[in-house]
Protein backbone atom coordinates (compact mmCIF):
# COMPACT_ATOMS: atom_id res chain seq x y z
CA UNK A 1 6.77 -4.93 10.78
CA UNK A 2 5.90 -3.03 13.03
CA UNK A 3 6.96 -0.21 15.20
CA UNK A 4 7.03 3.07 17.41
CA UNK A 5 9.07 5.76 16.19
CA UNK A 6 9.39 8.11 19.61
CA UNK A 7 12.28 11.17 19.96
CA UNK A 8 12.40 15.16 20.45
CA UNK A 9 10.72 17.51 18.51
CA UNK A 10 12.23 18.17 15.58
CA UNK A 11 14.37 14.43 16.25
CA UNK A 12 13.72 13.44 12.64
CA UNK A 13 10.93 11.42 13.07
CA UNK A 14 8.61 12.36 9.60
CA UNK A 15 11.79 12.30 7.61
CA UNK A 16 12.69 8.80 8.83
CA UNK A 17 8.83 7.05 8.93
CA UNK A 18 8.20 7.42 5.46
CA UNK A 19 11.60 6.72 4.81
CA UNK A 20 11.49 3.04 7.47
CA UNK A 21 7.70 3.01 5.94
CA UNK A 22 8.61 2.71 1.40
CA UNK A 23 12.32 0.33 3.45
CA UNK A 24 10.08 -2.31 4.84
CA UNK A 25 5.77 -1.85 2.99
CA UNK A 26 4.14 -0.54 5.50
CA UNK A 27 1.49 2.47 6.39
CA UNK A 28 4.21 4.94 8.09
CA UNK A 29 0.90 6.47 10.91
CA UNK A 30 1.15 10.26 11.85
CA UNK A 31 -0.61 11.68 14.54
CA UNK A 32 1.37 15.11 13.46
CA UNK A 33 0.11 15.10 9.96
CA UNK A 34 -3.53 14.20 10.99
CA UNK A 35 -3.93 17.33 12.83
CA UNK A 36 -2.29 19.87 10.32
CA UNK A 37 -5.14 18.00 7.85
CA UNK A 38 -7.66 18.89 10.21
CA UNK A 39 -7.10 21.84 11.05
CA UNK A 40 -6.49 22.91 7.74
CA UNK A 41 -9.66 21.54 6.82
CA UNK A 42 -11.06 23.47 9.82
CA UNK A 43 -12.55 20.22 11.86
CA UNK A 44 -14.27 20.38 14.69
CA UNK A 45 -11.07 18.33 15.42
CA UNK A 46 -8.94 20.55 13.40
CA UNK A 47 -10.69 24.04 15.52
CA UNK A 48 -10.07 22.00 19.21
CA UNK A 49 -6.26 20.57 18.35
CA UNK A 50 -5.62 23.49 17.16
CA UNK A 51 -5.98 25.51 20.80
CA UNK A 52 -3.60 22.79 22.06
CA UNK A 53 -0.24 22.84 18.79
CA UNK A 54 -0.71 26.94 19.18
CA UNK A 55 0.62 26.73 23.26
CA UNK A 56 2.62 23.57 22.93
CA UNK A 57 0.98 21.30 24.34
CA UNK A 58 -0.71 17.74 22.99
CA UNK A 59 -4.05 17.00 21.75
CA UNK A 60 -5.84 15.03 24.11
CA UNK A 61 -6.10 11.60 24.40
CA UNK A 62 -9.75 10.47 23.89
CA UNK A 63 -8.97 12.13 20.78
CA UNK A 64 -6.32 11.03 19.63
CA UNK A 65 -7.45 7.27 21.12
CA UNK A 66 -9.77 6.95 18.31
CA UNK A 67 -7.96 8.39 14.84
CA UNK A 68 -5.25 6.00 15.41
CA UNK A 69 -7.31 3.27 16.79
CA UNK A 70 -9.28 3.85 13.37
CA UNK A 71 -6.47 4.30 11.30
CA UNK A 72 -4.78 0.73 13.06
CA UNK A 73 -8.21 -1.19 11.76
CA UNK A 74 -7.75 -0.03 8.00
CA UNK A 75 -6.93 -4.28 6.13
CA UNK A 76 -2.96 -1.58 4.83
CA UNK A 77 -1.66 -1.88 8.71
CA UNK A 78 -2.70 -5.81 8.86
CA UNK A 79 0.75 -6.70 7.61
CA UNK A 80 2.56 -3.88 9.61
CA UNK A 81 2.80 0.46 10.73
CA UNK A 82 4.88 2.72 11.76
CA UNK A 83 3.54 5.70 14.08
CA UNK A 84 4.79 8.33 14.58
CA UNK A 85 4.22 10.73 17.24
CA UNK A 86 1.86 7.56 19.43
CA UNK A 87 2.48 7.09 22.10
CA UNK A 88 3.39 9.61 23.63
CA UNK A 89 2.00 9.05 27.61
CA UNK A 90 1.23 6.22 29.48
CA UNK A 91 -1.74 6.08 29.19
CA UNK A 92 -1.86 5.74 25.80
CA UNK A 93 0.90 3.11 26.01
CA UNK A 94 -2.45 1.99 27.71
CA UNK A 95 -4.44 2.24 25.79
CA UNK A 96 -2.71 1.02 22.46
CA UNK A 97 -2.14 -2.36 24.38
CA UNK A 98 -5.28 -2.55 23.74
CA UNK A 99 -5.43 -1.91 20.61
CA UNK A 100 -2.93 -3.71 19.35
CA UNK A 101 -4.23 -7.28 21.95
CA UNK A 102 -8.00 -6.14 20.03
CA UNK A 103 -6.07 -6.76 16.58
CA UNK A 104 -4.40 -9.83 17.59
CA UNK A 105 -0.36 -8.14 16.47
CA UNK A 106 2.21 -7.81 18.49
CA UNK A 107 5.51 -4.45 18.60
CA UNK A 108 8.28 -5.55 16.65
CA UNK A 109 9.75 -2.65 18.94
CA UNK A 110 10.42 1.55 19.84
CA UNK A 111 13.19 3.08 17.18
CA UNK A 112 13.65 6.54 19.28
CA UNK A 113 16.04 8.89 17.27
CA UNK A 114 18.29 10.63 19.85
CA UNK A 115 19.65 13.50 19.76
CA UNK A 116 20.76 17.25 21.13
CA UNK A 117 18.79 19.50 22.82
CA UNK A 118 19.45 22.95 21.01
CA UNK A 119 20.69 21.31 17.72
CA UNK A 120 16.73 20.15 17.48
CA UNK A 121 15.73 23.87 18.62
CA UNK A 122 18.90 25.01 15.76
CA UNK A 123 16.28 22.74 13.40
CA UNK A 124 13.55 23.40 13.85
CA UNK A 125 13.76 27.44 14.04
CA UNK A 126 14.83 27.00 10.81
CA UNK A 127 12.44 24.34 9.61
CA UNK A 128 9.74 26.86 10.78
CA UNK A 129 11.53 29.85 8.78
CA UNK A 130 11.65 27.23 5.69
CA UNK A 131 8.13 26.84 5.33
CA UNK A 132 6.99 29.20 7.34
CA UNK A 133 4.61 26.88 10.06
CA UNK A 134 3.34 29.59 12.16
CA UNK A 135 3.62 27.97 15.83
CA UNK A 136 7.22 27.38 15.69
CA UNK A 137 8.51 30.51 17.62
CA UNK A 138 11.22 29.63 19.93
CA UNK A 139 9.52 29.96 22.28
CA UNK A 140 6.46 27.09 22.14
CA UNK A 141 9.92 25.30 20.07
CA UNK A 142 10.80 24.75 23.89
CA UNK A 143 7.69 24.15 24.68
CA UNK A 144 6.74 21.81 23.40
CA UNK A 145 10.91 19.91 24.56
CA UNK A 146 9.33 20.76 28.09
CA UNK A 147 6.28 18.75 27.62
CA UNK A 148 8.29 16.02 25.71
CA UNK A 149 10.62 15.70 28.38
CA UNK A 150 7.99 14.98 31.50
CA UNK A 151 4.78 12.96 29.00
CA UNK A 152 7.34 10.64 26.38
CA UNK A 153 10.06 10.92 27.79
CA UNK A 154 8.93 8.01 30.34
CA UNK A 155 7.58 5.62 27.90
CA UNK A 156 10.70 4.32 27.10
CA UNK A 157 11.88 3.30 30.03
CA UNK A 158 8.14 1.67 29.84
CA UNK A 159 9.53 -0.14 26.73
CA UNK A 160 12.81 -0.75 27.55
CA UNK A 161 11.84 -2.87 30.37
CA UNK A 162 9.74 -5.38 27.99
CA UNK A 163 12.71 -5.46 25.91
CA UNK A 164 12.10 -3.13 22.59
CA UNK A 165 13.75 -0.12 23.00
CA UNK A 166 16.51 0.13 19.89
CA UNK A 167 17.92 3.99 20.27
CA UNK A 168 20.68 5.54 17.68
CA UNK A 169 21.30 8.67 16.54
CA UNK A 170 19.09 11.25 14.32
CA UNK A 171 21.72 13.61 13.87
CA UNK A 172 23.12 13.53 10.59
CA UNK A 173 22.50 13.11 7.01
CA UNK A 174 18.77 11.29 6.25
CA UNK A 175 20.76 7.79 5.38
CA UNK A 176 23.15 7.54 7.37
CA UNK A 177 20.95 7.80 10.13
CA UNK A 178 18.32 5.74 8.22
CA UNK A 179 21.37 2.98 7.47
CA UNK A 180 21.87 2.74 12.25
CA UNK A 181 18.07 2.45 12.15
CA UNK A 182 18.16 -0.15 9.68
CA UNK A 183 21.13 -2.12 11.56
CA UNK A 184 19.96 -1.14 14.94
CA UNK A 185 16.56 -2.94 13.13
CA UNK A 186 19.00 -5.94 11.48
CA UNK A 187 20.51 -6.84 14.48
CA UNK A 188 16.91 -7.30 17.10
CA UNK A 189 15.59 -9.36 13.64
CA UNK A 190 18.76 -11.59 13.65
């Protein structure tokens, strides 16, 4: 199974990515985790990524594309993968299309988690408090939501035109949302 998981920040992508990856025995590839690891390691890439992340902006495509290309080329991705947080822009869709063509594989579906904006902001503020995420202020969270609406929502239309989108309500208990996702994917692949 080769999937993309999309949805606004705070919709539960990271949580659901782990569940889906375990269910299908595929790696969950999260650009957010890669960025945070580089920031924590104080790498050159991490310092560059931190500037954008602190402002609620996305890390530039060329940096992200190179990381994703390398990751998809690893042997554990051959049977399948789940991309969480990539692609985020129309240019990245084109880049991913090229990567998949080079690897001679195709996507099975794009799972889009949906959620209410105010609930997402409240959820992210709570997470920031619990996890001590200094970058998750309300202003930055709302800016991330705006950037998502401007840059990422248009990708959903591209994948809808390809007949690949599975839209799932991302609000509710983790196992309930997971069940919704698996039901939709079963219908798509049936």
